[in-house]
Amino acid sequence: MERERRLRKNEEFQRVFRHGQSTANRQFVVYALPRPEGGTFRVGVSVSKKLGKAVVRNRLKRLIKEAVRAHADKIRPGVDVVLIARASALELDYHQMVKSVGHVLRRAGLIAEKG
């Protein structure tokens, strides 16, 4: 994910958690918060230590970021998004992850419906 499309600071994550709307499916929870200044969308990924050691968590984060990148051209601009992985996300391969991330982003209203 490009640098300008990432949430990096704890304050940015906390603002999205406190004021954003949440949506979920079996593998992910999404918090989304529109930014008044607009611009491109920004994404942060959170993976709990309960899901595994650092190698497992970092691999999962990389896969999630790539899945978001696959949908980047369809995501609404001017919104901050935090994706939280659930335990069932560990069982997904890349193609299933792309599908699941797209599903939860559509449920959150961040991607236009198919058709």
Protein backbone atom coordinates (compact mmCIF):
# COMPACT_ATOMS: atom_id res chain seq x y z
CA MET A 1 0.00 0.00 0.00
CA GLU A 2 1.37 3.42 -0.92
CA ARG A 3 2.54 5.63 1.94
CA GLU A 4 -0.18 8.27 1.44
CA ARG A 5 -2.86 5.56 1.67
CA ARG A 6 -1.84 4.24 5.09
CA LEU A 7 -2.92 5.09 8.61
CA ARG A 8 0.23 5.01 10.72
CA LYS A 9 -0.30 6.95 13.93
CA ASN A 10 -2.13 5.59 16.96
CA GLU A 11 -4.21 8.81 17.12
CA GLU A 12 -5.48 8.16 13.57
CA PHE A 13 -6.51 4.61 14.48
CA GLN A 14 -8.18 5.76 17.72
CA ARG A 15 -10.14 8.52 15.93
CA VAL A 16 -11.54 5.96 13.46
CA PHE A 17 -12.39 3.52 16.28
CA ARG A 18 -14.15 6.21 18.35
CA HIS A 19 -16.09 8.03 15.65
CA GLY A 20 -16.32 5.58 12.75
CA GLN A 21 -19.07 3.16 11.76
CA SER A 22 -18.32 -0.56 12.04
CA THR A 23 -19.33 -3.38 9.73
CA ALA A 24 -18.26 -7.02 9.84
CA ASN A 25 -18.30 -10.39 8.18
CA ARG A 26 -16.85 -13.69 9.43
CA GLN A 27 -13.23 -12.78 8.69
CA PHE A 28 -12.99 -9.00 9.18
CA VAL A 29 -14.34 -6.01 11.06
CA VAL A 30 -14.19 -2.66 9.25
CA TYR A 31 -14.35 0.77 10.85
CA ALA A 32 -14.86 3.63 8.39
CA LEU A 33 -14.79 7.38 9.03
CA PRO A 34 -15.19 10.06 6.32
CA ARG A 35 -12.54 12.77 6.39
CA PRO A 36 -13.76 16.37 5.96
CA GLU A 37 -10.67 17.34 3.96
CA GLY A 38 -11.33 14.53 1.46
CA GLY A 39 -8.41 13.22 -0.57
CA THR A 40 -7.62 9.59 -1.18
CA PHE A 41 -8.81 6.82 1.12
CA ARG A 42 -6.43 5.66 3.86
CA VAL A 43 -6.25 2.14 5.32
CA GLY A 44 -4.89 0.73 8.57
CA VAL A 45 -4.71 -2.97 9.38
CA SER A 46 -4.90 -4.44 12.88
CA VAL A 47 -4.12 -8.05 13.77
CA SER A 48 -4.34 -9.19 17.40
CA LYS A 49 -1.52 -11.05 19.12
CA LYS A 50 -4.10 -13.74 19.83
CA LEU A 51 -3.90 -14.77 16.16
CA GLY A 52 -0.27 -15.83 16.26
CA LYS A 53 3.34 -14.83 16.55
CA ALA A 54 4.85 -11.89 14.65
CA VAL A 55 5.60 -13.86 11.48
CA VAL A 56 1.98 -15.01 11.19
CA ARG A 57 0.55 -11.56 11.98
CA ASN A 58 2.84 -9.76 9.55
CA ARG A 59 2.06 -12.21 6.73
CA LEU A 60 -1.66 -11.74 7.37
CA LYS A 61 -1.24 -7.94 7.30
CA ARG A 62 0.62 -8.13 3.99
CA LEU A 63 -2.12 -10.30 2.46
CA ILE A 64 -4.84 -7.95 3.70
CA LYS A 65 -3.05 -4.91 2.27
CA GLU A 66 -2.72 -6.66 -1.09
CA ALA A 67 -6.43 -7.55 -1.00
CA VAL A 68 -7.26 -3.89 -0.36
CA ARG A 69 -4.96 -2.89 -3.22
CA ALA A 70 -6.95 -5.20 -5.53
CA HIS A 71 -10.05 -3.10 -4.75
CA ALA A 72 -8.30 0.29 -4.53
CA ASP A 73 -9.76 1.67 -7.77
CA LYS A 74 -13.32 1.05 -6.50
CA ILE A 75 -13.01 2.35 -2.91
CA ARG A 76 -14.72 5.66 -2.17
CA PRO A 77 -12.19 8.51 -1.71
CA GLY A 78 -11.94 10.69 1.39
CA VAL A 79 -12.45 7.99 4.00
CA ASP A 80 -10.23 6.44 6.69
CA VAL A 81 -10.65 2.66 7.03
CA VAL A 82 -9.36 0.28 9.71
CA LEU A 83 -9.54 -3.44 8.93
CA ILE A 84 -9.35 -5.82 11.88
CA ALA A 85 -8.63 -9.47 11.16
CA ARG A 86 -10.58 -12.17 12.95
CA ALA A 87 -9.22 -15.67 13.63
CA SER A 88 -11.03 -17.18 10.64
CA ALA A 89 -9.00 -14.92 8.32
CA LEU A 90 -5.97 -17.15 8.98
CA GLU A 91 -7.61 -19.97 7.01
CA LEU A 92 -8.03 -17.95 3.80
CA ASP A 93 -5.79 -18.09 0.77
CA TYR A 94 -5.12 -14.92 -1.24
CA HIS A 95 -8.10 -15.21 -3.62
CA GLN A 96 -10.54 -15.94 -0.80
CA MET A 97 -9.12 -12.98 1.12
CA VAL A 98 -9.63 -10.62 -1.84
CA LYS A 99 -13.23 -11.80 -2.07
CA SER A 100 -13.86 -11.46 1.68
CA VAL A 101 -12.27 -7.98 1.89
CA GLY A 102 -14.38 -6.88 -1.08
CA HIS A 103 -17.48 -8.26 0.60
CA VAL A 104 -16.93 -6.44 3.89
CA LEU A 105 -16.03 -3.18 2.10
CA ARG A 106 -19.25 -3.42 0.06
CA ARG A 107 -21.25 -4.07 3.25
CA ALA A 108 -19.67 -0.94 4.75
CA GLY A 109 -20.75 1.08 1.71
CA LEU A 110 -17.19 1.83 0.66
CA ILE A 111 -17.46 0.06 -2.71
CA ALA A 112 -20.34 0.37 -5.15
CA GLU A 113 -22.45 -2.75 -5.54
CA LYS A 114 -21.80 -5.08 -8.49
CA GLY A 115 -23.68 -4.43 -11.67
